């Protein structure tokens, strides 16, 4: 899903723990635990997890450095 940000940039959002887990290459269970503990840069919106692709990518790039 693409959403326009306030500065006009396009946000590439990933909705749901299942989709986030596929993106980061972890199991749904491991991803859900990371989401619930606040480890991943994501938020719950109306009961569903959502994350921005670039923030997830940056998180893992920085983690690996």
PDB file of N, CA and C in Angstrom:
ATOM      1  N   UNK A   1       0.851  -1.176   0.000  1.00  0.00           N
ATOM      2  CA  UNK A   1       0.000   0.000   0.000  1.00  0.00           C
ATOM      3  C   UNK A   1       0.888   1.227   0.000  1.00  0.00           C
ATOM      4  N   UNK A   2       0.590   2.177  -0.846  1.00  0.00           N
ATOM      5  CA  UNK A   2       1.343   3.420  -0.901  1.00  0.00           C
ATOM      6  C   UNK A   2       0.478   4.546  -0.371  1.00  0.00           C
ATOM      7  N   UNK A   3       1.050   5.346   0.515  1.00  0.00           N
ATOM      8  CA  UNK A   3       0.336   6.471   1.101  1.00  0.00           C
ATOM      9  C   UNK A   3       1.204   7.701   1.010  1.00  0.00           C
ATOM     10  N   UNK A   4       0.621   8.835   0.687  1.00  0.00           N
ATOM     11  CA  UNK A   4       1.376  10.073   0.612  1.00  0.00           C
ATOM     12  C   UNK A   4       1.666  10.588   2.003  1.00  0.00           C
ATOM     13  N   UNK A   5       2.912  10.931   2.278  1.00  0.00           N
ATOM     14  CA  UNK A   5       3.299  11.533   3.547  1.00  0.00           C
ATOM     15  C   UNK A   5       3.084  13.026   3.495  1.00  0.00           C
ATOM     16  N   UNK A   6       3.288  13.699   4.612  1.00  0.00           N
ATOM     17  CA  UNK A   6       3.031  15.127   4.691  1.00  0.00           C
ATOM     18  C   UNK A   6       3.949  15.928   3.788  1.00  0.00           C
ATOM     19  N   UNK A   7       5.157  15.438   3.529  1.00  0.00           N
ATOM     20  CA  UNK A   7       6.097  16.174   2.681  1.00  0.00           C
ATOM     21  C   UNK A   7       5.966  15.748   1.225  1.00  0.00           C
ATOM     22  N   UNK A   8       4.974  14.910   0.920  1.00  0.00           N
ATOM     23  CA  UNK A   8       4.750  14.484  -0.446  1.00  0.00           C
ATOM     24  C   UNK A   8       5.488  13.207  -0.820  1.00  0.00           C
ATOM     25  N   UNK A   9       6.321  12.686   0.079  1.00  0.00           N
ATOM     26  CA  UNK A   9       7.023  11.445  -0.225  1.00  0.00           C
ATOM     27  C   UNK A   9       6.042  10.281  -0.148  1.00  0.00           C
ATOM     28  N   UNK A  10       6.373   9.206  -0.823  1.00  0.00           N
ATOM     29  CA  UNK A  10       5.522   8.031  -0.804  1.00  0.00           C
ATOM     30  C   UNK A  10       5.980   7.098   0.305  1.00  0.00           C
ATOM     31  N   UNK A  11       5.045   6.681   1.143  1.00  0.00           N
ATOM     32  CA  UNK A  11       5.338   5.726   2.208  1.00  0.00           C
ATOM     33  C   UNK A  11       4.936   4.347   1.717  1.00  0.00           C
ATOM     34  N   UNK A  12       5.843   3.422   1.800  1.00  0.00           N
ATOM     35  CA  UNK A  12       5.554   2.065   1.379  1.00  0.00           C
ATOM     36  C   UNK A  12       5.284   1.248   2.628  1.00  0.00           C
ATOM     37  N   UNK A  13       4.020   1.063   2.948  1.00  0.00           N
ATOM     38  CA  UNK A  13       3.616   0.433   4.199  1.00  0.00           C
ATOM     39  C   UNK A  13       3.374  -1.057   4.045  1.00  0.00           C
ATOM     40  N   UNK A  14       3.702  -1.791   5.093  1.00  0.00           N
ATOM     41  CA  UNK A  14       3.434  -3.226   5.167  1.00  0.00           C
ATOM     42  C   UNK A  14       2.426  -3.414   6.283  1.00  0.00           C
ATOM     43  N   UNK A  15       1.292  -3.990   5.951  1.00  0.00           N
ATOM     44  CA  UNK A  15       0.206  -4.171   6.923  1.00  0.00           C
ATOM     45  C   UNK A  15       0.132  -5.609   7.382  1.00  0.00           C
ATOM     46  N   UNK A  16       0.120  -5.822   8.688  1.00  0.00           N
ATOM     47  CA  UNK A  16      -0.079  -7.132   9.286  1.00  0.00           C
ATOM     48  C   UNK A  16       1.217  -7.832   9.649  1.00  0.00           C
ATOM     49  N   UNK A  17       1.171  -8.543  10.766  1.00  0.00           N
ATOM     50  CA  UNK A  17       2.353  -9.262  11.261  1.00  0.00           C
ATOM     51  C   UNK A  17       2.822 -10.315  10.261  1.00  0.00           C
ATOM     52  N   UNK A  18       1.898 -10.953   9.567  1.00  0.00           N
ATOM     53  CA  UNK A  18       2.261 -11.984   8.595  1.00  0.00           C
ATOM     54  C   UNK A  18       3.083 -11.390   7.456  1.00  0.00           C
ATOM     55  N   UNK A  19       2.641 -10.277   6.910  1.00  0.00           N
ATOM     56  CA  UNK A  19       3.365  -9.626   5.815  1.00  0.00           C
ATOM     57  C   UNK A  19       4.707  -9.086   6.290  1.00  0.00           C
ATOM     58  N   UNK A  20       4.737  -8.552   7.503  1.00  0.00           N
ATOM     59  CA  UNK A  20       5.996  -8.049   8.066  1.00  0.00           C
ATOM     60  C   UNK A  20       6.970  -9.213   8.247  1.00  0.00           C
ATOM     61  N   UNK A  21       6.476 -10.351   8.721  1.00  0.00           N
ATOM     62  CA  UNK A  21       7.354 -11.510   8.931  1.00  0.00           C
ATOM     63  C   UNK A  21       7.953 -11.992   7.612  1.00  0.00           C
ATOM     64  N   UNK A  22       7.173 -11.984   6.552  1.00  0.00           N
ATOM     65  CA  UNK A  22       7.691 -12.380   5.239  1.00  0.00           C
ATOM     66  C   UNK A  22       8.771 -11.408   4.783  1.00  0.00           C
ATOM     67  N   UNK A  23       8.552 -10.129   5.016  1.00  0.00           N
ATOM     68  CA  UNK A  23       9.506  -9.109   4.586  1.00  0.00           C
ATOM     69  C   UNK A  23      10.847  -9.249   5.313  1.00  0.00           C
ATOM     70  N   UNK A  24      10.800  -9.551   6.611  1.00  0.00           N
ATOM     71  CA  UNK A  24      12.046  -9.621   7.386  1.00  0.00           C
ATOM     72  C   UNK A  24      12.620 -11.038   7.452  1.00  0.00           C
ATOM     73  N   UNK A  25      11.900 -12.018   6.911  1.00  0.00           N
ATOM     74  CA  UNK A  25      12.410 -13.383   6.867  1.00  0.00           C
ATOM     75  C   UNK A  25      12.411 -14.098   8.208  1.00  0.00           C
ATOM     76  N   UNK A  26      11.435 -13.791   9.041  1.00  0.00           N
ATOM     77  CA  UNK A  26      11.300 -14.457  10.346  1.00  0.00           C
ATOM     78  C   UNK A  26       9.946 -15.153  10.385  1.00  0.00           C
ATOM     79  N   UNK A  27       9.774 -16.044  11.342  1.00  0.00           N
ATOM     80  CA  UNK A  27       8.484 -16.703  11.487  1.00  0.00           C
ATOM     81  C   UNK A  27       7.463 -15.671  11.983  1.00  0.00           C
ATOM     82  N   UNK A  28       6.192 -15.990  11.774  1.00  0.00           N
ATOM     83  CA  UNK A  28       5.140 -15.106  12.276  1.00  0.00           C
ATOM     84  C   UNK A  28       5.226 -14.972  13.791  1.00  0.00           C
ATOM     85  N   UNK A  29       5.486 -16.073  14.454  1.00  0.00           N
ATOM     86  CA  UNK A  29       5.552 -16.078  15.918  1.00  0.00           C
ATOM     87  C   UNK A  29       6.692 -15.182  16.409  1.00  0.00           C
ATOM     88  N   UNK A  30       7.879 -15.330  15.806  1.00  0.00           N
ATOM     89  CA  UNK A  30       9.033 -14.515  16.201  1.00  0.00           C
ATOM     90  C   UNK A  30       8.762 -13.034  15.906  1.00  0.00           C
ATOM     91  N   UNK A  31       8.175 -12.770  14.756  1.00  0.00           N
ATOM     92  CA  UNK A  31       7.873 -11.391  14.372  1.00  0.00           C
ATOM     93  C   UNK A  31       6.860 -10.778  15.323  1.00  0.00           C
ATOM     94  N   UNK A  32       5.818 -11.529  15.652  1.00  0.00           N
ATOM     95  CA  UNK A  32       4.797 -11.013  16.561  1.00  0.00           C
ATOM     96  C   UNK A  32       5.414 -10.670  17.912  1.00  0.00           C
ATOM     97  N   UNK A  33       6.311 -11.525  18.385  1.00  0.00           N
ATOM     98  CA  UNK A  33       6.997 -11.255  19.646  1.00  0.00           C
ATOM     99  C   UNK A  33       7.819  -9.981  19.572  1.00  0.00           C
ATOM    100  N   UNK A  34       8.518  -9.796  18.460  1.00  0.00           N
ATOM    101  CA  UNK A  34       9.326  -8.587  18.268  1.00  0.00           C
ATOM    102  C   UNK A  34       8.439  -7.344  18.182  1.00  0.00           C
ATOM    103  N   UNK A  35       7.297  -7.479  17.542  1.00  0.00           N
ATOM    104  CA  UNK A  35       6.360  -6.355  17.438  1.00  0.00           C
ATOM    105  C   UNK A  35       5.804  -6.003  18.810  1.00  0.00           C
ATOM    106  N   UNK A  36       5.338  -6.998  19.531  1.00  0.00           N
ATOM    107  CA  UNK A  36       4.731  -6.769  20.845  1.00  0.00           C
ATOM    108  C   UNK A  36       5.723  -6.195  21.855  1.00  0.00           C
ATOM    109  N   UNK A  37       6.994  -6.588  21.740  1.00  0.00           N
ATOM    110  CA  UNK A  37       8.002  -6.100  22.685  1.00  0.00           C
ATOM    111  C   UNK A  37       8.550  -4.727  22.302  1.00  0.00           C
ATOM    112  N   UNK A  38       8.176  -4.247  21.110  1.00  0.00           N
ATOM    113  CA  UNK A  38       8.644  -2.932  20.671  1.00  0.00           C
ATOM    114  C   UNK A  38      10.005  -2.952  20.005  1.00  0.00           C
ATOM    115  N   UNK A  39      10.515  -4.132  19.702  1.00  0.00           N
ATOM    116  CA  UNK A  39      11.825  -4.241  19.052  1.00  0.00           C
ATOM    117  C   UNK A  39      11.823  -3.699  17.628  1.00  0.00           C
ATOM    118  N   UNK A  40      10.724  -3.900  16.917  1.00  0.00           N
ATOM    119  CA  UNK A  40      10.651  -3.464  15.525  1.00  0.00           C
ATOM    120  C   UNK A  40       9.996  -2.088  15.411  1.00  0.00           C
ATOM    121  N   UNK A  41      10.437  -1.302  14.419  1.00  0.00           N
ATOM    122  CA  UNK A  41       9.844   0.021  14.208  1.00  0.00           C
ATOM    123  C   UNK A  41       8.483  -0.099  13.512  1.00  0.00           C
ATOM    124  N   UNK A  42       7.464  -0.382  14.302  1.00  0.00           N
ATOM    125  CA  UNK A  42       6.104  -0.572  13.775  1.00  0.00           C
ATOM    126  C   UNK A  42       5.111  -0.082  14.813  1.00  0.00           C
ATOM    127  N   UNK A  43       3.872   0.111  14.375  1.00  0.00           N
ATOM    128  CA  UNK A  43       2.806   0.561  15.273  1.00  0.00           C
ATOM    129  C   UNK A  43       1.554  -0.247  15.001  1.00  0.00           C
ATOM    130  N   UNK A  44       0.705  -0.278  15.996  1.00  0.00           N
ATOM    131  CA  UNK A  44      -0.591  -0.924  15.846  1.00  0.00           C
ATOM    132  C   UNK A  44      -1.604   0.157  15.498  1.00  0.00           C
ATOM    133  N   UNK A  45      -2.301  -0.043  14.386  1.00  0.00           N
ATOM    134  CA  UNK A  45      -3.322   0.897  13.931  1.00  0.00           C
ATOM    135  C   UNK A  45      -4.625   0.121  13.809  1.00  0.00           C
ATOM    136  N   UNK A  46      -5.603   0.523  14.585  1.00  0.00           N
ATOM    137  CA  UNK A  46      -6.909  -0.160  14.595  1.00  0.00           C
ATOM    138  C   UNK A  46      -6.759  -1.666  14.762  1.00  0.00           C
ATOM    139  N   UNK A  47      -5.849  -2.058  15.644  1.00  0.00           N
ATOM    140  CA  UNK A  47      -5.668  -3.467  15.957  1.00  0.00           C
ATOM    141  C   UNK A  47      -4.791  -4.243  14.994  1.00  0.00           C
ATOM    142  N   UNK A  48      -4.222  -3.578  13.985  1.00  0.00           N
ATOM    143  CA  UNK A  48      -3.383  -4.270  13.004  1.00  0.00           C
ATOM    144  C   UNK A  48      -2.005  -3.615  12.960  1.00  0.00           C
ATOM    145  N   UNK A  49      -0.952  -4.454  12.917  1.00  0.00           N
ATOM    146  CA  UNK A  49       0.405  -3.937  12.865  1.00  0.00           C
ATOM    147  C   UNK A  49       0.700  -3.344  11.493  1.00  0.00           C
ATOM    148  N   UNK A  50       1.427  -2.231  11.492  1.00  0.00           N
ATOM    149  CA  UNK A  50       1.840  -1.594  10.242  1.00  0.00           C
ATOM    150  C   UNK A  50       3.268  -1.084  10.409  1.00  0.00           C
ATOM    151  N   UNK A  51       4.062  -1.259   9.355  1.00  0.00           N
ATOM    152  CA  UNK A  51       5.449  -0.809   9.369  1.00  0.00           C
ATOM    153  C   UNK A  51       5.793  -0.218   8.008  1.00  0.00           C
ATOM    154  N   UNK A  52       6.705   0.720   8.021  1.00  0.00           N
ATOM    155  CA  UNK A  52       7.198   1.309   6.779  1.00  0.00           C
ATOM    156  C   UNK A  52       8.415   0.496   6.327  1.00  0.00           C
ATOM    157  N   UNK A  53       8.420   0.081   5.069  1.00  0.00           N
ATOM    158  CA  UNK A  53       9.513  -0.745   4.535  1.00  0.00           C
ATOM    159  C   UNK A  53      10.885  -0.144   4.803  1.00  0.00           C
ATOM    160  N   UNK A  54      11.037   1.129   4.529  1.00  0.00           N
ATOM    161  CA  UNK A  54      12.352   1.758   4.671  1.00  0.00           C
ATOM    162  C   UNK A  54      12.817   1.763   6.123  1.00  0.00           C
ATOM    163  N   UNK A  55      11.898   1.923   7.066  1.00  0.00           N
ATOM    164  CA  UNK A  55      12.283   1.913   8.475  1.00  0.00           C
ATOM    165  C   UNK A  55      12.704   0.516   8.915  1.00  0.00           C
ATOM    166  N   UNK A  56      12.015  -0.507   8.432  1.00  0.00           N
ATOM    167  CA  UNK A  56      12.414  -1.878   8.747  1.00  0.00           C
ATOM    168  C   UNK A  56      13.787  -2.175   8.148  1.00  0.00           C
ATOM    169  N   UNK A  57      13.982  -1.779   6.896  1.00  0.00           N
ATOM    170  CA  UNK A  57      15.265  -2.005   6.237  1.00  0.00           C
ATOM    171  C   UNK A  57      16.379  -1.301   6.987  1.00  0.00           C
ATOM    172  N   UNK A  58      16.183  -0.030   7.326  1.00  0.00           N
ATOM    173  CA  UNK A  58      17.201   0.732   8.062  1.00  0.00           C
ATOM    174  C   UNK A  58      17.486   0.102   9.422  1.00  0.00           C
ATOM    175  N   UNK A  59      16.457  -0.392  10.090  1.00  0.00           N
ATOM    176  CA  UNK A  59      16.619  -1.030  11.388  1.00  0.00           C
ATOM    177  C   UNK A  59      17.586  -2.208  11.280  1.00  0.00           C
ATOM    178  N   UNK A  60      17.392  -3.059  10.278  1.00  0.00           N
ATOM    179  CA  UNK A  60      18.238  -4.240  10.150  1.00  0.00           C
ATOM    180  C   UNK A  60      19.632  -3.898   9.619  1.00  0.00           C
ATOM    181  N   UNK A  61      19.736  -2.896   8.784  1.00  0.00           N
ATOM    182  CA  UNK A  61      21.053  -2.461   8.304  1.00  0.00           C
ATOM    183  C   UNK A  61      21.866  -1.925   9.475  1.00  0.00           C
ATOM    184  N   UNK A  62      21.254  -1.097  10.314  1.00  0.00           N
ATOM    185  CA  UNK A  62      21.945  -0.555  11.484  1.00  0.00           C
ATOM    186  C   UNK A  62      22.268  -1.656  12.484  1.00  0.00           C
ATOM    187  N   UNK A  63      21.357  -2.610  12.659  1.00  0.00           N
ATOM    188  CA  UNK A  63      21.560  -3.725  13.580  1.00  0.00           C
ATOM    189  C   UNK A  63      22.750  -4.575  13.156  1.00  0.00           C
ATOM    190  N   UNK A  64      22.907  -4.750  11.842  1.00  0.00           N
ATOM    191  CA  UNK A  64      23.982  -5.594  11.303  1.00  0.00           C
ATOM    192  C   UNK A  64      25.339  -4.874  11.314  1.00  0.00           C
ATOM    193  N   UNK A  65      25.320  -3.569  11.446  1.00  0.00           N
ATOM    194  CA  UNK A  65      26.584  -2.804  11.393  1.00  0.00           C
ATOM    195  C   UNK A  65      27.364  -2.894  12.667  1.00  0.00           C
TER     196      UNK A  65
END
